[in-house]
C-alpha atoms as a PDB file:
ATOM      1  CA  MET A   1     -12.135   6.676 -44.475  1.00  0.00           C
ATOM      2  CA  LEU A   2      -8.668   7.345 -42.713  1.00  0.00           C
ATOM      3  CA  THR A   3      -5.826   8.278 -44.712  1.00  0.00           C
ATOM      4  CA  ARG A   4      -1.897   6.611 -43.665  1.00  0.00           C
ATOM      5  CA  THR A   5      -0.963   9.687 -41.971  1.00  0.00           C
ATOM      6  CA  SER A   6      -4.184  10.151 -39.780  1.00  0.00           C
ATOM      7  CA  PHE A   7      -4.208   6.321 -39.162  1.00  0.00           C
ATOM      8  CA  LEU A   8      -0.402   6.663 -37.643  1.00  0.00           C
ATOM      9  CA  SER A   9      -1.038  10.217 -36.000  1.00  0.00           C
ATOM     10  CA  LEU A  10      -4.509   8.443 -33.956  1.00  0.00           C
ATOM     11  CA  ALA A  11      -2.462   5.226 -33.270  1.00  0.00           C
ATOM     12  CA  LEU A  12       0.133   7.494 -31.847  1.00  0.00           C
ATOM     13  CA  LEU A  13      -2.099   9.256 -29.482  1.00  0.00           C
ATOM     14  CA  THR A  14      -4.048   6.311 -28.503  1.00  0.00           C
ATOM     15  CA  GLY A  15      -0.532   4.789 -27.340  1.00  0.00           C
ATOM     16  CA  ILE A  16       0.692   8.051 -25.666  1.00  0.00           C
ATOM     17  CA  ALA A  17      -2.673   8.576 -23.480  1.00  0.00           C
ATOM     18  CA  LEU A  18      -2.536   4.650 -22.222  1.00  0.00           C
ATOM     19  CA  THR A  19       1.063   4.497 -21.532  1.00  0.00           C
ATOM     20  CA  PRO A  20       0.357   6.037 -18.154  1.00  0.00           C
ATOM     21  CA  ALA A  21      -2.191   3.357 -17.562  1.00  0.00           C
ATOM     22  CA  LEU A  22      -0.288   0.372 -18.665  1.00  0.00           C
ATOM     23  CA  THR A  23       2.972   1.636 -17.176  1.00  0.00           C
ATOM     24  CA  SER A  24       2.040   2.520 -13.549  1.00  0.00           C
ATOM     25  CA  SER A  25       2.600   0.235 -10.792  1.00  0.00           C
ATOM     26  CA  ALA A  26      -0.203  -1.310  -9.086  1.00  0.00           C
ATOM     27  CA  ALA A  27      -1.576   0.006  -5.347  1.00  0.00           C
ATOM     28  CA  PHE A  28      -0.871  -3.056  -2.662  1.00  0.00           C
ATOM     29  CA  ALA A  29      -4.027  -2.688  -1.174  1.00  0.00           C
ATOM     30  CA  VAL A  30      -5.412  -5.444   1.240  1.00  0.00           C
ATOM     31  CA  ASP A  31      -7.919  -6.240  -1.090  1.00  0.00           C
ATOM     32  CA  ASP A  32      -5.071  -6.222  -4.315  1.00  0.00           C
ATOM     33  CA  ASP A  33      -3.712  -9.446  -5.111  1.00  0.00           C
ATOM     34  CA  THR A  34      -0.198  -8.339  -6.212  1.00  0.00           C
ATOM     35  CA  SER A  35       2.933  -9.105  -4.138  1.00  0.00           C
ATOM     36  CA  THR A  36       5.966  -7.506  -4.768  1.00  0.00           C
ATOM     37  CA  GLY A  37       7.611 -10.565  -3.739  1.00  0.00           C
ATOM     38  CA  SER A  38       7.830 -14.722  -4.702  1.00  0.00           C
ATOM     39  CA  VAL A  39       5.126 -15.423  -1.890  1.00  0.00           C
ATOM     40  CA  ASP A  40       1.469 -16.026  -2.926  1.00  0.00           C
ATOM     41  CA  LEU A  41      -0.420 -13.322  -0.377  1.00  0.00           C
ATOM     42  CA  SER A  42      -3.862 -14.003  -2.183  1.00  0.00           C
ATOM     43  CA  SER A  43      -5.291 -16.506   0.501  1.00  0.00           C
ATOM     44  CA  VAL A  44      -4.058 -13.753   3.490  1.00  0.00           C
ATOM     45  CA  ARG A  45      -5.655 -11.215   1.680  1.00  0.00           C
ATOM     46  CA  ALA A  46      -8.958 -12.607   1.600  1.00  0.00           C
ATOM     47  CA  LYS A  47      -8.990 -13.759   5.215  1.00  0.00           C
ATOM     48  CA  ILE A  48      -8.036  -9.712   5.906  1.00  0.00           C
ATOM     49  CA  GLN A  49     -10.829  -8.602   3.578  1.00  0.00           C
ATOM     50  CA  ALA A  50     -13.309 -11.216   5.528  1.00  0.00           C
ATOM     51  CA  GLY A  51     -12.044  -9.937   8.538  1.00  0.00           C
ATOM     52  CA  SER A  52     -10.616 -13.119   9.832  1.00  0.00           C
ATOM     53  CA  TYR A  53      -7.518 -10.962  11.247  1.00  0.00           C
ATOM     54  CA  GLY A  54      -6.057 -14.265  13.854  1.00  0.00           C
ATOM     55  CA  ALA A  55      -6.506 -16.596  10.412  1.00  0.00           C
ATOM     56  CA  ALA A  56      -4.338 -14.038   8.581  1.00  0.00           C
ATOM     57  CA  LEU A  57      -1.958 -13.670  10.996  1.00  0.00           C
ATOM     58  CA  GLU A  58      -1.241 -17.182  11.851  1.00  0.00           C
ATOM     59  CA  GLU A  59      -0.570 -17.717   8.070  1.00  0.00           C
ATOM     60  CA  LEU A  60       1.543 -14.490   8.082  1.00  0.00           C
ATOM     61  CA  ARG A  61       3.716 -15.615  10.863  1.00  0.00           C
ATOM     62  CA  GLY A  62       4.474 -18.752   9.148  1.00  0.00           C
ATOM     63  CA  LEU A  63       5.152 -16.943   5.863  1.00  0.00           C
ATOM     64  CA  ALA A  64       7.530 -14.585   7.937  1.00  0.00           C
ATOM     65  CA  GLU A  65       9.151 -17.566   8.828  1.00  0.00           C
ATOM     66  CA  ASP A  66      10.468 -19.058   5.545  1.00  0.00           C
ATOM     67  CA  THR A  67      10.535 -15.381   4.086  1.00  0.00           C
ATOM     68  CA  GLN A  68      11.702 -12.086   4.840  1.00  0.00           C
ATOM     69  CA  GLN A  69       9.447  -9.388   2.648  1.00  0.00           C
ATOM     70  CA  ALA A  70       8.251  -5.961   2.860  1.00  0.00           C
ATOM     71  CA  ASP A  71       4.610  -6.750   2.172  1.00  0.00           C
ATOM     72  CA  ILE A  72       4.620  -9.962   4.726  1.00  0.00           C
ATOM     73  CA  TYR A  73       5.582  -7.980   7.531  1.00  0.00           C
ATOM     74  CA  ASN A  74       3.376  -4.938   6.042  1.00  0.00           C
ATOM     75  CA  LEU A  75       0.157  -7.258   6.350  1.00  0.00           C
ATOM     76  CA  MET A  76       1.245  -8.198   9.890  1.00  0.00           C
ATOM     77  CA  GLY A  77       1.296  -4.808  10.801  1.00  0.00           C
ATOM     78  CA  TYR A  78      -1.884  -4.125   9.489  1.00  0.00           C
ATOM     79  CA  THR A  79      -3.676  -7.349  10.839  1.00  0.00           C
ATOM     80  CA  LEU A  80      -2.462  -6.205  14.392  1.00  0.00           C
ATOM     81  CA  ARG A  81      -3.449  -2.381  13.903  1.00  0.00           C
ATOM     82  CA  LYS A  82      -6.721  -4.303  13.004  1.00  0.00           C
ATOM     83  CA  THR A  83      -6.821  -6.004  16.127  1.00  0.00           C
ATOM     84  CA  GLY A  84      -5.811  -3.213  17.969  1.00  0.00           C
ATOM     85  CA  ASP A  85      -2.311  -4.394  18.917  1.00  0.00           C
ATOM     86  CA  TYR A  86      -0.656  -0.684  18.084  1.00  0.00           C
ATOM     87  CA  ALA A  87       2.916  -1.397  19.529  1.00  0.00           C
ATOM     88  CA  THR A  88       3.306  -4.667  17.487  1.00  0.00           C
ATOM     89  CA  SER A  89       1.839  -3.458  14.376  1.00  0.00           C
ATOM     90  CA  LEU A  90       4.292  -0.082  14.475  1.00  0.00           C
ATOM     91  CA  THR A  91       6.984  -2.922  15.006  1.00  0.00           C
ATOM     92  CA  TYR A  92       5.824  -4.954  11.500  1.00  0.00           C
ATOM     93  CA  TYR A  93       5.658  -1.698   9.412  1.00  0.00           C
ATOM     94  CA  THR A  94       8.868  -0.668  10.554  1.00  0.00           C
ATOM     95  CA  LYS A  95      10.326  -3.840   9.717  1.00  0.00           C
ATOM     96  CA  ALA A  96       9.129  -3.448   6.466  1.00  0.00           C
ATOM     97  CA  LEU A  97      10.473  -0.512   5.678  1.00  0.00           C
ATOM     98  CA  GLN A  98      13.808  -1.417   6.722  1.00  0.00           C
ATOM     99  CA  LEU A  99      13.348  -3.835   3.921  1.00  0.00           C
ATOM    100  CA  GLN A 100      12.435  -2.013   1.476  1.00  0.00           C
ATOM    101  CA  PRO A 101      12.102   2.239   2.565  1.00  0.00           C
ATOM    102  CA  ASP A 102      10.299   2.994  -0.552  1.00  0.00           C
ATOM    103  CA  TYR A 103       7.260   0.590  -0.120  1.00  0.00           C
ATOM    104  CA  ARG A 104       4.532   2.440  -0.417  1.00  0.00           C
ATOM    105  CA  PRO A 105       1.374   0.662   1.716  1.00  0.00           C
ATOM    106  CA  ALA A 106       3.585   0.540   4.622  1.00  0.00           C
ATOM    107  CA  ARG A 107       4.150   4.422   4.483  1.00  0.00           C
ATOM    108  CA  GLU A 108       0.458   4.935   4.352  1.00  0.00           C
ATOM    109  CA  TYR A 109      -0.667   2.263   7.035  1.00  0.00           C
ATOM    110  CA  LEU A 110       1.783   3.544   9.197  1.00  0.00           C
ATOM    111  CA  GLY A 111       0.921   6.956   9.055  1.00  0.00           C
ATOM    112  CA  GLU A 112      -2.944   5.598   9.355  1.00  0.00           C
ATOM    113  CA  LEU A 113      -1.440   3.863  12.463  1.00  0.00           C
ATOM    114  CA  TYR A 114      -0.173   7.074  13.853  1.00  0.00           C
ATOM    115  CA  VAL A 115      -3.330   8.891  12.945  1.00  0.00           C
ATOM    116  CA  GLU A 116      -5.217   6.509  14.992  1.00  0.00           C
ATOM    117  CA  THR A 117      -3.069   6.650  17.959  1.00  0.00           C
ATOM    118  CA  GLY A 118      -3.459  10.737  17.863  1.00  0.00           C
ATOM    119  CA  ASN A 119       0.441  11.036  16.259  1.00  0.00           C
ATOM    120  CA  ILE A 120      -0.601  13.653  14.196  1.00  0.00           C
ATOM    121  CA  GLY A 121       3.228  14.741  13.425  1.00  0.00           C
ATOM    122  CA  LYS A 122       4.285  11.564  12.626  1.00  0.00           C
ATOM    123  CA  ALA A 123       1.654  10.633  10.118  1.00  0.00           C
ATOM    124  CA  ARG A 124       2.372  13.971   8.065  1.00  0.00           C
ATOM    125  CA  GLU A 125       6.138  12.517   7.905  1.00  0.00           C
ATOM    126  CA  GLN A 126       4.830   9.594   6.652  1.00  0.00           C
ATOM    127  CA  LEU A 127       2.551  11.919   3.722  1.00  0.00           C
ATOM    128  CA  ALA A 128       6.105  13.781   3.140  1.00  0.00           C
ATOM    129  CA  ALA A 129       7.351  10.567   2.253  1.00  0.00           C
ATOM    130  CA  LEU A 130       4.703   9.441   0.469  1.00  0.00           C
ATOM    131  CA  VAL A 131       4.734  12.962  -1.663  1.00  0.00           C
ATOM    132  CA  LYS A 132       8.109  12.375  -2.341  1.00  0.00           C
ATOM    133  CA  LEU A 133       7.775   8.261  -3.772  1.00  0.00           C
ATOM    134  CA  CYS A 134       4.592   9.647  -5.831  1.00  0.00           C
ATOM    135  CA  PRO A 135       4.553  13.533  -6.284  1.00  0.00           C
ATOM    136  CA  GLY A 136       1.739  13.325  -9.180  1.00  0.00           C
ATOM    137  CA  GLY A 137      -0.503  11.519  -6.608  1.00  0.00           C
ATOM    138  CA  CYS A 138      -0.852   7.514  -6.003  1.00  0.00           C
ATOM    139  CA  GLU A 139      -3.521   5.695  -4.004  1.00  0.00           C
ATOM    140  CA  GLU A 140      -1.843   5.059  -0.657  1.00  0.00           C
ATOM    141  CA  ARG A 141      -1.083   8.880  -0.659  1.00  0.00           C
ATOM    142  CA  GLN A 142      -4.959   9.740  -1.146  1.00  0.00           C
ATOM    143  CA  ASP A 143      -6.067   7.186   1.380  1.00  0.00           C
ATOM    144  CA  LEU A 144      -3.270   8.833   3.713  1.00  0.00           C
ATOM    145  CA  GLU A 145      -4.140  12.478   3.082  1.00  0.00           C
ATOM    146  CA  LYS A 146      -8.232  11.531   3.882  1.00  0.00           C
ATOM    147  CA  ALA A 147      -7.225   9.927   7.322  1.00  0.00           C
ATOM    148  CA  LEU A 148      -5.368  12.841   7.979  1.00  0.00           C
ATOM    149  CA  LYS A 149      -8.358  15.252   6.805  1.00  0.00           C
ATOM    150  CA  ARG A 150     -10.765  13.138   8.641  1.00  0.00           C
ATOM    151  CA  THR A 151      -9.210  13.670  11.954  1.00  0.00           C
ATOM    152  CA  ALA A 152      -8.502  17.328  11.509  1.00  0.00           C
ATOM    153  CA  ALA A 153     -12.764  17.304  11.044  1.00  0.00           C
ATOM    154  CA  LYS A 154     -13.229  15.836  14.305  1.00  0.00           C
END
């Protein structure tokens, strides 16, 4: 049987252990239905996940007309990158980062664009920005590191 002091100590330790999980911000990967703004992007994310880039892009363009939001522009960049339109993709990632310079998903995806187009120096710049944004590590940083390692292994 736990004494009152043991119970309080156990409760305190449990709370400390759970704090990082409860307070960490969620990653905004394409398959993540969270958003930094007020626009519901779950439909767009589902289309992207299904590979329906044209339909996703059409919906995103409609949303962008009404709302300037980093995650909308980031997803536009992602969708365009997946269709091979790297130049326009770059424009939308840049716009996302103008709106929100610390937006980790745009840093990751812009870095991946640079990897895909062979601009490793620029990709490393995005990785350096992610290291500053999440020195303890984050999904976006890990994903860009993996993309760079895959390129180095080729």
